[in-house]
Amino acid sequence: WTVLRQEEESSLGNKLANSRYNALTNTLQIWSAEPLDTLVAEFAHAQQFNNETIIHYFRYVDDLLRVAGKAVTGMSFVEAYEQEYDTRGTIEYEAHKIIEPQLKERLKNIVKLEKF
């Protein structure tokens, strides 16, 4: 994991400075100001990558090309990328609408079984 200090976060600015999964290095980049929930959300991308390494790269490139196409037509890149989270079949949709809820449920069940 990579944890960045607040001053590094603020120097990056906008929504693109959020936590993210890097498929090239198989690492998570987590901002220190974000909750544990974000960690689970980004682990969903790690699960995608570990399940289908080569396919994941091609799907990601396909998603980026779609986003770039929208950006060329006048939509901002950030706005176009945000739509990926609600578009069935995209990496972001699969990670955050399908895998992330499953991971959260599994984590919730593990915590229920543990006696603290």
PDB file of N, CA and C in Angstrom:
ATOM      1  N   TRP A   1       0.850  -1.176   0.000  1.00  0.00           N
ATOM      2  CA  TRP A   1       0.000   0.000   0.000  1.00  0.00           C
ATOM      3  C   TRP A   1       0.883   1.222   0.000  1.00  0.00           C
ATOM      4  N   THR A   2       0.392   2.286  -0.576  1.00  0.00           N
ATOM      5  CA  THR A   2       1.082   3.561  -0.535  1.00  0.00           C
ATOM      6  C   THR A   2       0.170   4.532   0.185  1.00  0.00           C
ATOM      7  N   VAL A   3       0.643   5.147   1.246  1.00  0.00           N
ATOM      8  CA  VAL A   3      -0.142   6.144   1.971  1.00  0.00           C
ATOM      9  C   VAL A   3       0.544   7.484   1.778  1.00  0.00           C
ATOM     10  N   LEU A   4      -0.185   8.451   1.229  1.00  0.00           N
ATOM     11  CA  LEU A   4       0.385   9.764   0.960  1.00  0.00           C
ATOM     12  C   LEU A   4      -0.004  10.753   2.037  1.00  0.00           C
ATOM     13  N   ARG A   5       0.883  11.682   2.306  1.00  0.00           N
ATOM     14  CA  ARG A   5       0.618  12.717   3.304  1.00  0.00           C
ATOM     15  C   ARG A   5      -0.387  13.729   2.753  1.00  0.00           C
ATOM     16  N   GLN A   6      -1.045  14.461   3.641  1.00  0.00           N
ATOM     17  CA  GLN A   6      -2.046  15.447   3.256  1.00  0.00           C
ATOM     18  C   GLN A   6      -1.517  16.465   2.247  1.00  0.00           C
ATOM     19  N   GLU A   7      -0.282  16.977   2.445  1.00  0.00           N
ATOM     20  CA  GLU A   7       0.226  17.998   1.521  1.00  0.00           C
ATOM     21  C   GLU A   7       0.417  17.429   0.116  1.00  0.00           C
ATOM     22  N   GLU A   8       0.754  16.154   0.000  1.00  0.00           N
ATOM     23  CA  GLU A   8       0.867  15.529  -1.312  1.00  0.00           C
ATOM     24  C   GLU A   8      -0.514  15.402  -1.947  1.00  0.00           C
ATOM     25  N   GLU A   9      -1.494  15.075  -1.136  1.00  0.00           N
ATOM     26  CA  GLU A   9      -2.854  14.935  -1.638  1.00  0.00           C
ATOM     27  C   GLU A   9      -3.366  16.265  -2.161  1.00  0.00           C
ATOM     28  N   SER A  10      -3.210  17.336  -1.386  1.00  0.00           N
ATOM     29  CA  SER A  10      -3.752  18.620  -1.791  1.00  0.00           C
ATOM     30  C   SER A  10      -3.048  19.171  -3.020  1.00  0.00           C
ATOM     31  N   SER A  11      -1.781  18.828  -3.230  1.00  0.00           N
ATOM     32  CA  SER A  11      -1.075  19.320  -4.405  1.00  0.00           C
ATOM     33  C   SER A  11      -1.582  18.670  -5.684  1.00  0.00           C
ATOM     34  N   LEU A  12      -2.241  17.506  -5.574  1.00  0.00           N
ATOM     35  CA  LEU A  12      -2.756  16.825  -6.753  1.00  0.00           C
ATOM     36  C   LEU A  12      -4.121  17.339  -7.177  1.00  0.00           C
ATOM     37  N   GLY A  13      -4.844  17.958  -6.267  1.00  0.00           N
ATOM     38  CA  GLY A  13      -6.108  18.574  -6.636  1.00  0.00           C
ATOM     39  C   GLY A  13      -7.273  17.630  -6.790  1.00  0.00           C
ATOM     40  N   ASN A  14      -8.096  17.850  -7.764  1.00  0.00           N
ATOM     41  CA  ASN A  14      -9.417  17.298  -8.063  1.00  0.00           C
ATOM     42  C   ASN A  14      -9.684  15.818  -7.770  1.00  0.00           C
ATOM     43  N   LYS A  15     -10.790  15.330  -8.331  1.00  0.00           N
ATOM     44  CA  LYS A  15     -11.248  13.966  -8.075  1.00  0.00           C
ATOM     45  C   LYS A  15     -10.268  12.895  -8.541  1.00  0.00           C
ATOM     46  N   LEU A  16      -9.386  13.222  -9.464  1.00  0.00           N
ATOM     47  CA  LEU A  16      -8.430  12.229  -9.930  1.00  0.00           C
ATOM     48  C   LEU A  16      -7.407  11.900  -8.856  1.00  0.00           C
ATOM     49  N   ALA A  17      -7.413  12.655  -7.765  1.00  0.00           N
ATOM     50  CA  ALA A  17      -6.469  12.416  -6.670  1.00  0.00           C
ATOM     51  C   ALA A  17      -7.019  11.431  -5.648  1.00  0.00           C
ATOM     52  N   ASN A  18      -8.094  10.735  -5.978  1.00  0.00           N
ATOM     53  CA  ASN A  18      -8.662   9.747  -5.065  1.00  0.00           C
ATOM     54  C   ASN A  18      -7.775   8.519  -4.944  1.00  0.00           C
ATOM     55  N   SER A  19      -8.086   7.684  -3.968  1.00  0.00           N
ATOM     56  CA  SER A  19      -7.379   6.408  -3.844  1.00  0.00           C
ATOM     57  C   SER A  19      -7.621   5.585  -5.087  1.00  0.00           C
ATOM     58  N   ARG A  20      -6.651   4.732  -5.391  1.00  0.00           N
ATOM     59  CA  ARG A  20      -6.789   3.938  -6.615  1.00  0.00           C
ATOM     60  C   ARG A  20      -5.991   2.661  -6.533  1.00  0.00           C
ATOM     61  N   TYR A  21      -6.342   1.734  -7.414  1.00  0.00           N
ATOM     62  CA  TYR A  21      -5.603   0.488  -7.571  1.00  0.00           C
ATOM     63  C   TYR A  21      -4.757   0.614  -8.829  1.00  0.00           C
ATOM     64  N   ASN A  22      -3.481   0.246  -8.749  1.00  0.00           N
ATOM     65  CA  ASN A  22      -2.580   0.288  -9.893  1.00  0.00           C
ATOM     66  C   ASN A  22      -2.350  -1.149 -10.359  1.00  0.00           C
ATOM     67  N   ALA A  23      -2.971  -1.505 -11.488  1.00  0.00           N
ATOM     68  CA  ALA A  23      -2.872  -2.871 -11.991  1.00  0.00           C
ATOM     69  C   ALA A  23      -1.466  -3.201 -12.475  1.00  0.00           C
ATOM     70  N   LEU A  24      -0.722  -2.200 -12.923  1.00  0.00           N
ATOM     71  CA  LEU A  24       0.635  -2.458 -13.412  1.00  0.00           C
ATOM     72  C   LEU A  24       1.560  -2.948 -12.307  1.00  0.00           C
ATOM     73  N   THR A  25       1.385  -2.390 -11.105  1.00  0.00           N
ATOM     74  CA  THR A  25       2.249  -2.773  -9.987  1.00  0.00           C
ATOM     75  C   THR A  25       1.522  -3.636  -8.960  1.00  0.00           C
ATOM     76  N   ASN A  26       0.215  -3.867  -9.177  1.00  0.00           N
ATOM     77  CA  ASN A  26      -0.613  -4.634  -8.251  1.00  0.00           C
ATOM     78  C   ASN A  26      -0.536  -4.052  -6.841  1.00  0.00           C
ATOM     79  N   THR A  27      -0.691  -2.721  -6.757  1.00  0.00           N
ATOM     80  CA  THR A  27      -0.645  -2.028  -5.467  1.00  0.00           C
ATOM     81  C   THR A  27      -1.853  -1.120  -5.308  1.00  0.00           C
ATOM     82  N   LEU A  28      -2.199  -0.855  -4.052  1.00  0.00           N
ATOM     83  CA  LEU A  28      -3.252   0.099  -3.727  1.00  0.00           C
ATOM     84  C   LEU A  28      -2.604   1.394  -3.283  1.00  0.00           C
ATOM     85  N   GLN A  29      -3.174   2.515  -3.690  1.00  0.00           N
ATOM     86  CA  GLN A  29      -2.714   3.818  -3.239  1.00  0.00           C
ATOM     87  C   GLN A  29      -3.863   4.398  -2.421  1.00  0.00           C
ATOM     88  N   ILE A  30      -3.650   4.546  -1.130  1.00  0.00           N
ATOM     89  CA  ILE A  30      -4.711   4.978  -0.216  1.00  0.00           C
ATOM     90  C   ILE A  30      -4.337   6.318   0.395  1.00  0.00           C
ATOM     91  N   TRP A  31      -5.241   7.279   0.330  1.00  0.00           N
ATOM     92  CA  TRP A  31      -5.012   8.592   0.937  1.00  0.00           C
ATOM     93  C   TRP A  31      -5.306   8.493   2.427  1.00  0.00           C
ATOM     94  N   SER A  32      -4.457   9.065   3.227  1.00  0.00           N
ATOM     95  CA  SER A  32      -4.573   8.935   4.680  1.00  0.00           C
ATOM     96  C   SER A  32      -5.858   9.535   5.229  1.00  0.00           C
ATOM     97  N   ALA A  33      -6.465  10.485   4.527  1.00  0.00           N
ATOM     98  CA  ALA A  33      -7.680  11.130   5.026  1.00  0.00           C
ATOM     99  C   ALA A  33      -8.943  10.324   4.726  1.00  0.00           C
ATOM    100  N   GLU A  34      -8.833   9.246   3.978  1.00  0.00           N
ATOM    101  CA  GLU A  34     -10.004   8.468   3.602  1.00  0.00           C
ATOM    102  C   GLU A  34     -10.222   7.291   4.555  1.00  0.00           C
ATOM    103  N   PRO A  35     -11.470   6.872   4.725  1.00  0.00           N
ATOM    104  CA  PRO A  35     -11.796   5.802   5.679  1.00  0.00           C
ATOM    105  C   PRO A  35     -11.403   4.411   5.186  1.00  0.00           C
ATOM    106  N   LEU A  36     -11.502   3.471   6.085  1.00  0.00           N
ATOM    107  CA  LEU A  36     -11.219   2.074   5.778  1.00  0.00           C
ATOM    108  C   LEU A  36     -12.110   1.566   4.647  1.00  0.00           C
ATOM    109  N   ASP A  37     -13.288   2.122   4.532  1.00  0.00           N
ATOM    110  CA  ASP A  37     -14.217   1.767   3.467  1.00  0.00           C
ATOM    111  C   ASP A  37     -13.550   1.866   2.092  1.00  0.00           C
ATOM    112  N   THR A  38     -12.709   2.877   1.926  1.00  0.00           N
ATOM    113  CA  THR A  38     -11.998   3.069   0.660  1.00  0.00           C
ATOM    114  C   THR A  38     -11.045   1.922   0.395  1.00  0.00           C
ATOM    115  N   LEU A  39     -10.426   1.430   1.431  1.00  0.00           N
ATOM    116  CA  LEU A  39      -9.508   0.305   1.282  1.00  0.00           C
ATOM    117  C   LEU A  39     -10.235  -0.900   0.700  1.00  0.00           C
ATOM    118  N   VAL A  40     -11.398  -1.200   1.242  1.00  0.00           N
ATOM    119  CA  VAL A  40     -12.190  -2.322   0.748  1.00  0.00           C
ATOM    120  C   VAL A  40     -12.617  -2.063  -0.696  1.00  0.00           C
ATOM    121  N   ALA A  41     -13.004  -0.820  -0.997  1.00  0.00           N
ATOM    122  CA  ALA A  41     -13.433  -0.474  -2.353  1.00  0.00           C
ATOM    123  C   ALA A  41     -12.318  -0.718  -3.364  1.00  0.00           C
ATOM    124  N   GLU A  42     -11.115  -0.333  -3.029  1.00  0.00           N
ATOM    125  CA  GLU A  42     -10.002  -0.500  -3.971  1.00  0.00           C
ATOM    126  C   GLU A  42      -9.497  -1.945  -4.025  1.00  0.00           C
ATOM    127  N   PHE A  43      -9.708  -2.697  -2.965  1.00  0.00           N
ATOM    128  CA  PHE A  43      -9.374  -4.133  -3.014  1.00  0.00           C
ATOM    129  C   PHE A  43     -10.205  -4.842  -4.079  1.00  0.00           C
ATOM    130  N   ALA A  44     -11.374  -4.300  -4.397  1.00  0.00           N
ATOM    131  CA  ALA A  44     -12.200  -4.890  -5.449  1.00  0.00           C
ATOM    132  C   ALA A  44     -11.437  -4.906  -6.774  1.00  0.00           C
ATOM    133  N   HIS A  45     -10.668  -3.860  -7.046  1.00  0.00           N
ATOM    134  CA  HIS A  45      -9.861  -3.833  -8.267  1.00  0.00           C
ATOM    135  C   HIS A  45      -8.744  -4.864  -8.199  1.00  0.00           C
ATOM    136  N   ALA A  46      -8.166  -5.044  -7.038  1.00  0.00           N
ATOM    137  CA  ALA A  46      -7.119  -6.052  -6.890  1.00  0.00           C
ATOM    138  C   ALA A  46      -7.680  -7.438  -7.178  1.00  0.00           C
ATOM    139  N   GLN A  47      -8.898  -7.692  -6.734  1.00  0.00           N
ATOM    140  CA  GLN A  47      -9.523  -8.987  -6.999  1.00  0.00           C
ATOM    141  C   GLN A  47      -9.756  -9.163  -8.497  1.00  0.00           C
ATOM    142  N   GLN A  48     -10.200  -8.108  -9.184  1.00  0.00           N
ATOM    143  CA  GLN A  48     -10.372  -8.186 -10.637  1.00  0.00           C
ATOM    144  C   GLN A  48      -9.060  -8.568 -11.314  1.00  0.00           C
ATOM    145  N   PHE A  49      -8.008  -7.878 -10.938  1.00  0.00           N
ATOM    146  CA  PHE A  49      -6.703  -8.087 -11.555  1.00  0.00           C
ATOM    147  C   PHE A  49      -6.198  -9.496 -11.293  1.00  0.00           C
ATOM    148  N   ASN A  50      -6.357  -9.972 -10.077  1.00  0.00           N
ATOM    149  CA  ASN A  50      -5.861 -11.303  -9.726  1.00  0.00           C
ATOM    150  C   ASN A  50      -6.667 -12.412 -10.390  1.00  0.00           C
ATOM    151  N   ASN A  51      -7.931 -12.136 -10.695  1.00  0.00           N
ATOM    152  CA  ASN A  51      -8.768 -13.149 -11.340  1.00  0.00           C
ATOM    153  C   ASN A  51      -8.533 -13.254 -12.838  1.00  0.00           C
ATOM    154  N   GLU A  52      -8.177 -12.151 -13.476  1.00  0.00           N
ATOM    155  CA  GLU A  52      -8.060 -12.139 -14.935  1.00  0.00           C
ATOM    156  C   GLU A  52      -7.032 -11.094 -15.384  1.00  0.00           C
ATOM    157  N   THR A  53      -5.767 -11.343 -15.125  1.00  0.00           N
ATOM    158  CA  THR A  53      -4.700 -10.374 -15.332  1.00  0.00           C
ATOM    159  C   THR A  53      -4.683  -9.754 -16.723  1.00  0.00           C
ATOM    160  N   ILE A  54      -4.518 -10.531 -17.767  1.00  0.00           N
ATOM    161  CA  ILE A  54      -4.409 -10.001 -19.127  1.00  0.00           C
ATOM    162  C   ILE A  54      -5.724  -9.370 -19.581  1.00  0.00           C
ATOM    163  N   ILE A  55      -6.823 -10.053 -19.324  1.00  0.00           N
ATOM    164  CA  ILE A  55      -8.131  -9.526 -19.713  1.00  0.00           C
ATOM    165  C   ILE A  55      -8.382  -8.189 -19.036  1.00  0.00           C
ATOM    166  N   HIS A  56      -7.962  -8.069 -17.776  1.00  0.00           N
ATOM    167  CA  HIS A  56      -8.148  -6.824 -17.028  1.00  0.00           C
ATOM    168  C   HIS A  56      -7.475  -5.662 -17.756  1.00  0.00           C
ATOM    169  N   TYR A  57      -6.258  -5.840 -18.239  1.00  0.00           N
ATOM    170  CA  TYR A  57      -5.560  -4.774 -18.956  1.00  0.00           C
ATOM    171  C   TYR A  57      -6.326  -4.350 -20.202  1.00  0.00           C
ATOM    172  N   PHE A  58      -6.793  -5.314 -20.989  1.00  0.00           N
ATOM    173  CA  PHE A  58      -7.523  -4.990 -22.206  1.00  0.00           C
ATOM    174  C   PHE A  58      -8.845  -4.291 -21.902  1.00  0.00           C
ATOM    175  N   ARG A  59      -9.530  -4.742 -20.862  1.00  0.00           N
ATOM    176  CA  ARG A  59     -10.786  -4.088 -20.470  1.00  0.00           C
ATOM    177  C   ARG A  59     -10.533  -2.658 -20.019  1.00  0.00           C
ATOM    178  N   TYR A  60      -9.445  -2.445 -19.282  1.00  0.00           N
ATOM    179  CA  TYR A  60      -9.113  -1.106 -18.802  1.00  0.00           C
ATOM    180  C   TYR A  60      -8.812  -0.180 -19.984  1.00  0.00           C
ATOM    181  N   VAL A  61      -8.043  -0.663 -20.945  1.00  0.00           N
ATOM    182  CA  VAL A  61      -7.738   0.140 -22.137  1.00  0.00           C
ATOM    183  C   VAL A  61      -9.032   0.467 -22.880  1.00  0.00           C
ATOM    184  N   ASP A  62      -9.908  -0.507 -23.034  1.00  0.00           N
ATOM    185  CA  ASP A  62     -11.194  -0.282 -23.695  1.00  0.00           C
ATOM    186  C   ASP A  62     -11.993   0.793 -22.968  1.00  0.00           C
ATOM    187  N   ASP A  63     -12.043   0.720 -21.635  1.00  0.00           N
ATOM    188  CA  ASP A  63     -12.760   1.722 -20.842  1.00  0.00           C
ATOM    189  C   ASP A  63     -12.147   3.109 -21.031  1.00  0.00           C
ATOM    190  N   LEU A  64     -10.817   3.189 -21.017  1.00  0.00           N
ATOM    191  CA  LEU A  64     -10.154   4.485 -21.189  1.00  0.00           C
ATOM    192  C   LEU A  64     -10.401   5.073 -22.575  1.00  0.00           C
ATOM    193  N   LEU A  65     -10.430   4.223 -23.589  1.00  0.00           N
ATOM    194  CA  LEU A  65     -10.728   4.708 -24.942  1.00  0.00           C
ATOM    195  C   LEU A  65     -12.145   5.266 -25.022  1.00  0.00           C
ATOM    196  N   ARG A  66     -13.091   4.612 -24.360  1.00  0.00           N
ATOM    197  CA  ARG A  66     -14.472   5.111 -24.333  1.00  0.00           C
ATOM    198  C   ARG A  66     -14.527   6.463 -23.625  1.00  0.00           C
ATOM    199  N   VAL A  67     -13.821   6.574 -22.511  1.00  0.00           N
ATOM    200  CA  VAL A  67     -13.784   7.833 -21.762  1.00  0.00           C
ATOM    201  C   VAL A  67     -13.143   8.934 -22.607  1.00  0.00           C
ATOM    202  N   ALA A  68     -12.034   8.617 -23.253  1.00  0.00           N
ATOM    203  CA  ALA A  68     -11.349   9.599 -24.102  1.00  0.00           C
ATOM    204  C   ALA A  68     -12.265  10.053 -25.235  1.00  0.00           C
ATOM    205  N   GLY A  69     -13.013   9.121 -25.804  1.00  0.00           N
ATOM    206  CA  GLY A  69     -13.958   9.477 -26.861  1.00  0.00           C
ATOM    207  C   GLY A  69     -15.007  10.461 -26.378  1.00  0.00           C
ATOM    208  N   LYS A  70     -15.504  10.261 -25.172  1.00  0.00           N
ATOM    209  CA  LYS A  70     -16.476  11.193 -24.604  1.00  0.00           C
ATOM    210  C   LYS A  70     -15.826  12.552 -24.343  1.00  0.00           C
ATOM    211  N   ALA A  71     -14.576  12.524 -23.879  1.00  0.00           N
ATOM    212  CA  ALA A  71     -13.864  13.773 -23.581  1.00  0.00           C
ATOM    213  C   ALA A  71     -13.629  14.580 -24.858  1.00  0.00           C
ATOM    214  N   VAL A  72     -13.376  13.900 -25.959  1.00  0.00           N
ATOM    215  CA  VAL A  72     -13.153  14.581 -27.240  1.00  0.00           C
ATOM    216  C   VAL A  72     -14.418  15.297 -27.702  1.00  0.00           C
ATOM    217  N   THR A  73     -15.579  14.759 -27.337  1.00  0.00           N
ATOM    218  CA  THR A  73     -16.845  15.368 -27.765  1.00  0.00           C
ATOM    219  C   THR A  73     -17.279  16.516 -26.865  1.00  0.00           C
ATOM    220  N   GLY A  74     -16.425  16.921 -25.929  1.00  0.00           N
ATOM    221  CA  GLY A  74     -16.731  18.094 -25.119  1.00  0.00           C
ATOM    222  C   GLY A  74     -16.941  17.837 -23.639  1.00  0.00           C
ATOM    223  N   MET A  75     -17.134  16.598 -23.244  1.00  0.00           N
ATOM    224  CA  MET A  75     -17.300  16.277 -21.830  1.00  0.00           C
ATOM    225  C   MET A  75     -15.920  16.265 -21.173  1.00  0.00           C
ATOM    226  N   SER A  76     -15.817  16.699 -19.933  1.00  0.00           N
ATOM    227  CA  SER A  76     -14.520  16.651 -19.259  1.00  0.00           C
ATOM    228  C   SER A  76     -14.127  15.199 -19.018  1.00  0.00           C
ATOM    229  N   PHE A  77     -12.833  14.949 -18.960  1.00  0.00           N
ATOM    230  CA  PHE A  77     -12.347  13.595 -18.733  1.00  0.00           C
ATOM    231  C   PHE A  77     -12.870  13.059 -17.403  1.00  0.00           C
ATOM    232  N   VAL A  78     -12.841  13.895 -16.379  1.00  0.00           N
ATOM    233  CA  VAL A  78     -13.304  13.471 -15.053  1.00  0.00           C
ATOM    234  C   VAL A  78     -14.783  13.102 -15.103  1.00  0.00           C
ATOM    235  N   GLU A  79     -15.584  13.934 -15.742  1.00  0.00           N
ATOM    236  CA  GLU A  79     -17.023  13.658 -15.847  1.00  0.00           C
ATOM    237  C   GLU A  79     -17.270  12.367 -16.639  1.00  0.00           C
ATOM    238  N   ALA A  80     -16.534  12.192 -17.725  1.00  0.00           N
ATOM    239  CA  ALA A  80     -16.679  10.981 -18.536  1.00  0.00           C
ATOM    240  C   ALA A  80     -16.267   9.745 -17.732  1.00  0.00           C
ATOM    241  N   TYR A  81     -15.193   9.862 -16.970  1.00  0.00           N
ATOM    242  CA  TYR A  81     -14.742   8.721 -16.171  1.00  0.00           C
ATOM    243  C   TYR A  81     -15.734   8.399 -15.065  1.00  0.00           C
ATOM    244  N   GLU A  82     -16.332   9.420 -14.473  1.00  0.00           N
ATOM    245  CA  GLU A  82     -17.327   9.200 -13.415  1.00  0.00           C
ATOM    246  C   GLU A  82     -18.489   8.351 -13.927  1.00  0.00           C
ATOM    247  N   GLN A  83     -18.850   8.475 -15.196  1.00  0.00           N
ATOM    248  CA  GLN A  83     -19.942   7.692 -15.766  1.00  0.00           C
ATOM    249  C   GLN A  83     -19.623   6.198 -15.806  1.00  0.00           C
ATOM    250  N   GLU A  84     -18.348   5.857 -15.785  1.00  0.00           N
ATOM    251  CA  GLU A  84     -17.940   4.450 -15.820  1.00  0.00           C
ATOM    252  C   GLU A  84     -18.470   3.676 -14.615  1.00  0.00           C
ATOM    253  N   TYR A  85     -18.645   4.362 -13.488  1.00  0.00           N
ATOM    254  CA  TYR A  85     -19.115   3.713 -12.267  1.00  0.00           C
ATOM    255  C   TYR A  85     -20.560   3.226 -12.394  1.00  0.00           C
ATOM    256  N   ASP A  86     -21.314   3.810 -13.317  1.00  0.00           N
ATOM    257  CA  ASP A  86     -22.715   3.429 -13.512  1.00  0.00           C
ATOM    258  C   ASP A  86     -22.970   2.725 -14.840  1.00  0.00           C
ATOM    259  N   THR A  87     -21.911   2.414 -15.579  1.00  0.00           N
ATOM    260  CA  THR A  87     -22.051   1.775 -16.885  1.00  0.00           C
ATOM    261  C   THR A  87     -21.743   0.287 -16.757  1.00  0.00           C
ATOM    262  N   ARG A  88     -22.781  -0.534 -16.927  1.00  0.00           N
ATOM    263  CA  ARG A  88     -22.600  -1.991 -16.827  1.00  0.00           C
ATOM    264  C   ARG A  88     -21.508  -2.467 -17.780  1.00  0.00           C
ATOM    265  N   GLY A  89     -20.702  -3.418 -17.288  1.00  0.00           N
ATOM    266  CA  GLY A  89     -19.656  -3.997 -18.108  1.00  0.00           C
ATOM    267  C   GLY A  89     -18.303  -3.317 -17.999  1.00  0.00           C
ATOM    268  N   THR A  90     -18.251  -2.151 -17.341  1.00  0.00           N
ATOM    269  CA  THR A  90     -16.968  -1.471 -17.199  1.00  0.00           C
ATOM    270  C   THR A  90     -16.227  -1.992 -15.967  1.00  0.00           C
ATOM    271  N   ILE A  91     -14.935  -1.737 -15.940  1.00  0.00           N
ATOM    272  CA  ILE A  91     -14.100  -2.130 -14.791  1.00  0.00           C
ATOM    273  C   ILE A  91     -14.624  -1.487 -13.507  1.00  0.00           C
ATOM    274  N   GLU A  92     -14.936  -0.192 -13.570  1.00  0.00           N
ATOM    275  CA  GLU A  92     -15.399   0.517 -12.368  1.00  0.00           C
ATOM    276  C   GLU A  92     -16.746  -0.011 -11.889  1.00  0.00           C
ATOM    277  N   TYR A  93     -17.656  -0.275 -12.812  1.00  0.00           N
ATOM    278  CA  TYR A  93     -18.957  -0.807 -12.422  1.00  0.00           C
ATOM    279  C   TYR A  93     -18.786  -2.160 -11.741  1.00  0.00           C
ATOM    280  N   GLU A  94     -18.052  -3.035 -12.384  1.00  0.00           N
ATOM    281  CA  GLU A  94     -17.848  -4.374 -11.826  1.00  0.00           C
ATOM    282  C   GLU A  94     -17.192  -4.314 -10.451  1.00  0.00           C
ATOM    283  N   ALA A  95     -16.167  -3.463 -10.325  1.00  0.00           N
ATOM    284  CA  ALA A  95     -15.446  -3.370  -9.050  1.00  0.00           C
ATOM    285  C   ALA A  95     -16.328  -2.828  -7.935  1.00  0.00           C
ATOM    286  N   HIS A  96     -17.051  -1.730  -8.218  1.00  0.00           N
ATOM    287  CA  HIS A  96     -17.733  -1.030  -7.126  1.00  0.00           C
ATOM    288  C   HIS A  96     -19.209  -1.371  -6.960  1.00  0.00           C
ATOM    289  N   LYS A  97     -19.829  -1.913  -7.992  1.00  0.00           N
ATOM    290  CA  LYS A  97     -21.249  -2.283  -7.876  1.00  0.00           C
ATOM    291  C   LYS A  97     -21.439  -3.773  -7.654  1.00  0.00           C
ATOM    292  N   ILE A  98     -20.440  -4.580  -8.014  1.00  0.00           N
ATOM    293  CA  ILE A  98     -20.581  -6.032  -7.873  1.00  0.00           C
ATOM    294  C   ILE A  98     -19.607  -6.594  -6.831  1.00  0.00           C
ATOM    295  N   ILE A  99     -18.318  -6.414  -7.058  1.00  0.00           N
ATOM    296  CA  ILE A  99     -17.312  -7.030  -6.178  1.00  0.00           C
ATOM    297  C   ILE A  99     -17.241  -6.343  -4.819  1.00  0.00           C
ATOM    298  N   GLU A 100     -17.228  -5.016  -4.796  1.00  0.00           N
ATOM    299  CA  GLU A 100     -17.111  -4.291  -3.522  1.00  0.00           C
ATOM    300  C   GLU A 100     -18.206  -4.674  -2.526  1.00  0.00           C
ATOM    301  N   PRO A 101     -19.492  -4.712  -2.912  1.00  0.00           N
ATOM    302  CA  PRO A 101     -20.515  -5.142  -1.947  1.00  0.00           C
ATOM    303  C   PRO A 101     -20.286  -6.565  -1.432  1.00  0.00           C
ATOM    304  N   GLN A 102     -19.798  -7.441  -2.305  1.00  0.00           N
ATOM    305  CA  GLN A 102     -19.502  -8.813  -1.872  1.00  0.00           C
ATOM    306  C   GLN A 102     -18.375  -8.827  -0.837  1.00  0.00           C
ATOM    307  N   LEU A 103     -17.327  -8.040  -1.083  1.00  0.00           N
ATOM    308  CA  LEU A 103     -16.216  -7.971  -0.129  1.00  0.00           C
ATOM    309  C   LEU A 103     -16.671  -7.399   1.211  1.00  0.00           C
ATOM    310  N   LYS A 104     -17.509  -6.375   1.163  1.00  0.00           N
ATOM    311  CA  LYS A 104     -18.016  -5.772   2.401  1.00  0.00           C
ATOM    312  C   LYS A 104     -18.862  -6.766   3.191  1.00  0.00           C
ATOM    313  N   GLU A 105     -19.654  -7.544   2.483  1.00  0.00           N
ATOM    314  CA  GLU A 105     -20.480  -8.556   3.147  1.00  0.00           C
ATOM    315  C   GLU A 105     -19.595  -9.627   3.783  1.00  0.00           C
ATOM    316  N   ARG A 106     -18.569 -10.049   3.054  1.00  0.00           N
ATOM    317  CA  ARG A 106     -17.645 -11.050   3.608  1.00  0.00           C
ATOM    318  C   ARG A 106     -16.932 -10.505   4.847  1.00  0.00           C
ATOM    319  N   LEU A 107     -16.507  -9.263   4.786  1.00  0.00           N
ATOM    320  CA  LEU A 107     -15.833  -8.640   5.926  1.00  0.00           C
ATOM    321  C   LEU A 107     -16.781  -8.525   7.115  1.00  0.00           C
ATOM    322  N   LYS A 108     -18.020  -8.148   6.841  1.00  0.00           N
ATOM    323  CA  LYS A 108     -19.020  -8.044   7.902  1.00  0.00           C
ATOM    324  C   LYS A 108     -19.236  -9.400   8.569  1.00  0.00           C
ATOM    325  N   ASN A 109     -19.286 -10.458   7.789  1.00  0.00           N
ATOM    326  CA  ASN A 109     -19.475 -11.806   8.337  1.00  0.00           C
ATOM    327  C   ASN A 109     -18.269 -12.258   9.146  1.00  0.00           C
ATOM    328  N   ILE A 110     -17.084 -11.892   8.703  1.00  0.00           N
ATOM    329  CA  ILE A 110     -15.866 -12.230   9.479  1.00  0.00           C
ATOM    330  C   ILE A 110     -15.894 -11.529  10.815  1.00  0.00           C
ATOM    331  N   VAL A 111     -16.241 -10.251  10.810  1.00  0.00           N
ATOM    332  CA  VAL A 111     -16.279  -9.489  12.061  1.00  0.00           C
ATOM    333  C   VAL A 111     -17.334 -10.054  13.012  1.00  0.00           C
ATOM    334  N   LYS A 112     -18.466 -10.501  12.481  1.00  0.00           N
ATOM    335  CA  LYS A 112     -19.518 -11.099  13.307  1.00  0.00           C
ATOM    336  C   LYS A 112     -19.018 -12.359  14.006  1.00  0.00           C
ATOM    337  N   LEU A 113     -18.176 -13.117  13.306  1.00  0.00           N
ATOM    338  CA  LEU A 113     -17.677 -14.370  13.873  1.00  0.00           C
ATOM    339  C   LEU A 113     -16.614 -14.165  14.936  1.00  0.00           C
ATOM    340  N   GLU A 114     -15.921 -13.050  14.855  1.00  0.00           N
ATOM    341  CA  GLU A 114     -14.851 -12.767  15.824  1.00  0.00           C
ATOM    342  C   GLU A 114     -15.448 -12.207  17.114  1.00  0.00           C
ATOM    343  N   LYS A 115     -14.924 -12.652  18.223  1.00  0.00           N
ATOM    344  CA  LYS A 115     -15.348 -12.125  19.535  1.00  0.00           C
ATOM    345  C   LYS A 115     -14.263 -11.173  20.020  1.00  0.00           C
ATOM    346  N   PHE A 116     -14.602  -9.908  20.120  1.00  0.00           N
ATOM    347  CA  PHE A 116     -13.624  -8.899  20.543  1.00  0.00           C
ATOM    348  C   PHE A 116     -13.757  -8.616  22.015  1.00  0.00           C
TER     349      PHE A 116
END
